[in-house]
């Protein structure tokens, strides 16, 4: 059996539900293999220390960043 979600909880807490399709495990492995073979690396836009994590999420929500936003964990 599956689990069920009570829509009243979503409405009463003003939550937003968003689905995401990521593909199969085979596709994930093939993607990682292609990334490795082509020596691709992500573009790091900005690094925030853990104490500034809220600032990092604010920057992400603003959508004005270029590259990945990283939170550095000591």
N, C-alpha and C. Protein backbone atom coordinates (compact mmCIF):
# COMPACT_ATOMS: atom_id res chain seq x y z
N UNK A 1 0.80 -1.19 0.00
CA UNK A 1 0.00 0.00 0.00
C UNK A 1 0.84 1.25 0.00
N UNK A 2 0.28 2.31 -0.54
CA UNK A 2 0.96 3.60 -0.57
C UNK A 2 0.52 4.46 0.59
N UNK A 3 1.12 5.58 0.70
CA UNK A 3 0.73 6.52 1.74
C UNK A 3 -0.16 7.58 1.12
N UNK A 4 -0.92 8.27 1.96
CA UNK A 4 -1.79 9.32 1.45
C UNK A 4 -1.44 10.64 2.11
N UNK A 5 -1.78 11.72 1.44
CA UNK A 5 -1.52 13.06 1.93
C UNK A 5 -2.86 13.74 2.15
N UNK A 6 -3.01 14.35 3.32
CA UNK A 6 -4.23 15.07 3.64
C UNK A 6 -4.12 16.48 3.05
N UNK A 7 -4.91 16.81 2.02
CA UNK A 7 -4.80 18.13 1.39
C UNK A 7 -5.11 19.28 2.35
N UNK A 8 -5.83 19.01 3.43
CA UNK A 8 -6.14 20.07 4.40
C UNK A 8 -4.86 20.61 5.04
N UNK A 9 -3.87 19.72 5.25
CA UNK A 9 -2.61 20.17 5.82
C UNK A 9 -1.87 21.11 4.86
N UNK A 10 -1.93 20.81 3.58
CA UNK A 10 -1.28 21.65 2.57
C UNK A 10 -1.95 23.03 2.54
N UNK A 11 -3.26 23.04 2.54
CA UNK A 11 -4.00 24.30 2.45
C UNK A 11 -3.84 25.11 3.74
N UNK A 12 -4.00 24.47 4.90
CA UNK A 12 -3.95 25.21 6.17
C UNK A 12 -2.57 25.80 6.45
N UNK A 13 -1.53 25.20 5.91
CA UNK A 13 -0.18 25.71 6.13
C UNK A 13 0.34 26.51 4.94
N UNK A 14 -0.51 26.73 3.94
CA UNK A 14 -0.14 27.48 2.73
C UNK A 14 1.13 26.93 2.09
N UNK A 15 1.20 25.61 2.00
CA UNK A 15 2.37 24.97 1.41
C UNK A 15 2.24 24.92 -0.10
N UNK A 16 3.38 24.88 -0.78
CA UNK A 16 3.41 24.73 -2.23
C UNK A 16 4.04 23.37 -2.51
N UNK A 17 3.38 22.56 -3.30
CA UNK A 17 3.88 21.23 -3.65
C UNK A 17 4.31 21.26 -5.11
N UNK A 18 5.54 20.80 -5.35
CA UNK A 18 6.06 20.81 -6.71
C UNK A 18 6.68 19.46 -7.00
N UNK A 19 6.26 18.84 -8.08
CA UNK A 19 6.82 17.56 -8.48
C UNK A 19 8.09 17.75 -9.29
N UNK A 20 8.89 16.70 -9.32
CA UNK A 20 10.15 16.75 -10.05
C UNK A 20 10.41 15.37 -10.64
N UNK A 21 10.67 15.32 -11.93
CA UNK A 21 11.02 14.08 -12.59
C UNK A 21 12.51 14.07 -12.84
N UNK A 22 13.19 13.03 -12.37
CA UNK A 22 14.65 13.00 -12.49
C UNK A 22 15.17 11.89 -13.38
N UNK A 23 14.31 11.02 -13.85
CA UNK A 23 14.77 9.94 -14.71
C UNK A 23 15.12 8.69 -13.92
N UNK A 24 15.62 7.69 -14.63
CA UNK A 24 15.93 6.40 -14.02
C UNK A 24 17.34 6.38 -13.45
N UNK A 25 17.66 5.35 -12.68
CA UNK A 25 19.02 5.17 -12.16
C UNK A 25 20.01 5.01 -13.29
N UNK A 26 19.62 4.32 -14.37
CA UNK A 26 20.49 4.14 -15.52
C UNK A 26 20.83 5.50 -16.15
N UNK A 27 19.82 6.36 -16.29
CA UNK A 27 20.06 7.69 -16.85
C UNK A 27 20.99 8.50 -15.95
N UNK A 28 20.83 8.37 -14.64
CA UNK A 28 21.68 9.08 -13.69
C UNK A 28 23.13 8.64 -13.83
N UNK A 29 23.34 7.33 -13.93
CA UNK A 29 24.71 6.80 -14.08
C UNK A 29 25.32 7.24 -15.42
N UNK A 30 24.51 7.22 -16.49
CA UNK A 30 25.01 7.65 -17.80
C UNK A 30 25.36 9.13 -17.78
N UNK A 31 24.56 9.95 -17.09
CA UNK A 31 24.85 11.37 -17.00
C UNK A 31 26.17 11.59 -16.26
N UNK A 32 26.35 10.90 -15.14
CA UNK A 32 27.59 11.05 -14.37
C UNK A 32 28.80 10.59 -15.17
N UNK A 33 28.64 9.54 -15.95
CA UNK A 33 29.73 9.05 -16.79
C UNK A 33 30.10 10.09 -17.84
N UNK A 34 29.08 10.71 -18.46
CA UNK A 34 29.33 11.75 -19.47
C UNK A 34 30.02 12.97 -18.84
N UNK A 35 29.59 13.34 -17.65
CA UNK A 35 30.21 14.48 -16.95
C UNK A 35 31.68 14.17 -16.68
N UNK A 36 31.96 12.96 -16.21
CA UNK A 36 33.33 12.56 -15.90
C UNK A 36 34.20 12.50 -17.16
N UNK A 37 33.69 11.85 -18.21
CA UNK A 37 34.46 11.70 -19.45
C UNK A 37 34.80 13.05 -20.09
N UNK A 38 33.88 14.00 -19.97
CA UNK A 38 34.10 15.32 -20.57
C UNK A 38 34.73 16.31 -19.60
N UNK A 39 35.10 15.82 -18.43
CA UNK A 39 35.75 16.63 -17.39
C UNK A 39 35.00 17.93 -17.13
N UNK A 40 33.68 17.80 -17.03
CA UNK A 40 32.84 18.97 -16.77
C UNK A 40 32.88 19.29 -15.28
N UNK A 41 32.91 20.57 -14.96
CA UNK A 41 32.86 21.01 -13.56
C UNK A 41 31.83 22.12 -13.44
N UNK A 42 31.15 22.20 -12.31
CA UNK A 42 30.14 23.25 -12.16
C UNK A 42 30.79 24.62 -12.00
N UNK A 43 30.09 25.65 -12.40
CA UNK A 43 30.54 27.02 -12.20
C UNK A 43 30.05 27.45 -10.82
N UNK A 44 31.00 27.80 -9.94
CA UNK A 44 30.66 28.24 -8.59
C UNK A 44 30.49 29.76 -8.64
N UNK A 45 29.30 30.22 -8.34
CA UNK A 45 29.03 31.65 -8.36
C UNK A 45 29.43 32.35 -7.08
N UNK A 46 29.12 31.72 -5.95
CA UNK A 46 29.39 32.35 -4.66
C UNK A 46 29.41 31.27 -3.58
N UNK A 47 30.29 31.47 -2.59
CA UNK A 47 30.40 30.53 -1.47
C UNK A 47 30.04 31.28 -0.19
N UNK A 48 29.12 30.72 0.58
CA UNK A 48 28.70 31.30 1.85
C UNK A 48 29.13 30.39 3.00
N UNK A 49 29.62 30.95 4.10
CA UNK A 49 29.89 30.10 5.28
C UNK A 49 28.56 29.65 5.87
N UNK A 50 28.57 28.58 6.63
CA UNK A 50 27.36 28.02 7.21
C UNK A 50 26.56 29.07 8.00
N UNK A 51 27.26 29.99 8.65
CA UNK A 51 26.57 31.01 9.45
C UNK A 51 25.73 31.95 8.58
N UNK A 52 26.04 32.01 7.30
CA UNK A 52 25.33 32.90 6.37
C UNK A 52 24.41 32.12 5.43
N UNK A 53 23.98 30.91 5.85
CA UNK A 53 23.14 30.06 5.00
C UNK A 53 21.85 30.77 4.60
N UNK A 54 21.27 31.56 5.51
CA UNK A 54 20.04 32.28 5.15
C UNK A 54 20.29 33.27 4.01
N UNK A 55 21.47 33.90 4.02
CA UNK A 55 21.81 34.82 2.93
C UNK A 55 21.95 34.06 1.61
N UNK A 56 22.51 32.85 1.68
CA UNK A 56 22.66 32.03 0.48
C UNK A 56 21.30 31.67 -0.11
N UNK A 57 20.37 31.27 0.74
CA UNK A 57 19.02 30.93 0.26
C UNK A 57 18.30 32.16 -0.29
N UNK A 58 18.53 33.32 0.34
CA UNK A 58 17.93 34.56 -0.16
C UNK A 58 18.46 34.87 -1.56
N UNK A 59 19.76 34.69 -1.76
CA UNK A 59 20.36 34.94 -3.08
C UNK A 59 19.77 33.98 -4.11
N UNK A 60 19.59 32.72 -3.72
CA UNK A 60 19.01 31.73 -4.62
C UNK A 60 17.58 32.11 -4.99
N UNK A 61 16.78 32.51 -4.00
CA UNK A 61 15.38 32.90 -4.26
C UNK A 61 15.31 34.13 -5.16
N UNK A 62 16.27 35.05 -5.03
CA UNK A 62 16.26 36.27 -5.85
C UNK A 62 16.47 35.94 -7.32
N UNK A 63 17.15 34.82 -7.60
CA UNK A 63 17.33 34.38 -8.97
C UNK A 63 18.27 35.24 -9.79
N UNK A 64 19.10 36.03 -9.14
CA UNK A 64 20.00 36.91 -9.88
C UNK A 64 21.45 36.42 -9.84
N UNK A 65 21.65 35.17 -9.48
CA UNK A 65 22.99 34.61 -9.39
C UNK A 65 23.38 33.95 -10.71
N UNK A 66 24.68 33.81 -10.90
CA UNK A 66 25.21 33.06 -12.03
C UNK A 66 26.07 31.95 -11.45
N UNK A 67 25.83 30.73 -11.82
CA UNK A 67 26.58 29.60 -11.27
C UNK A 67 25.92 29.07 -10.01
N UNK A 68 26.58 28.12 -9.41
CA UNK A 68 26.06 27.45 -8.22
C UNK A 68 26.34 28.29 -6.98
N UNK A 69 25.39 28.24 -6.05
CA UNK A 69 25.58 28.86 -4.75
C UNK A 69 25.94 27.74 -3.79
N UNK A 70 27.05 27.92 -3.08
CA UNK A 70 27.58 26.87 -2.20
C UNK A 70 27.54 27.34 -0.75
N UNK A 71 27.12 26.44 0.14
CA UNK A 71 27.22 26.68 1.57
C UNK A 71 28.36 25.81 2.07
N UNK A 72 29.39 26.47 2.61
CA UNK A 72 30.58 25.77 3.08
C UNK A 72 30.36 25.26 4.51
N UNK A 73 30.54 23.98 4.70
CA UNK A 73 30.39 23.36 6.02
C UNK A 73 31.77 23.03 6.55
N UNK A 74 32.12 23.60 7.72
CA UNK A 74 33.48 23.37 8.25
C UNK A 74 33.74 21.92 8.61
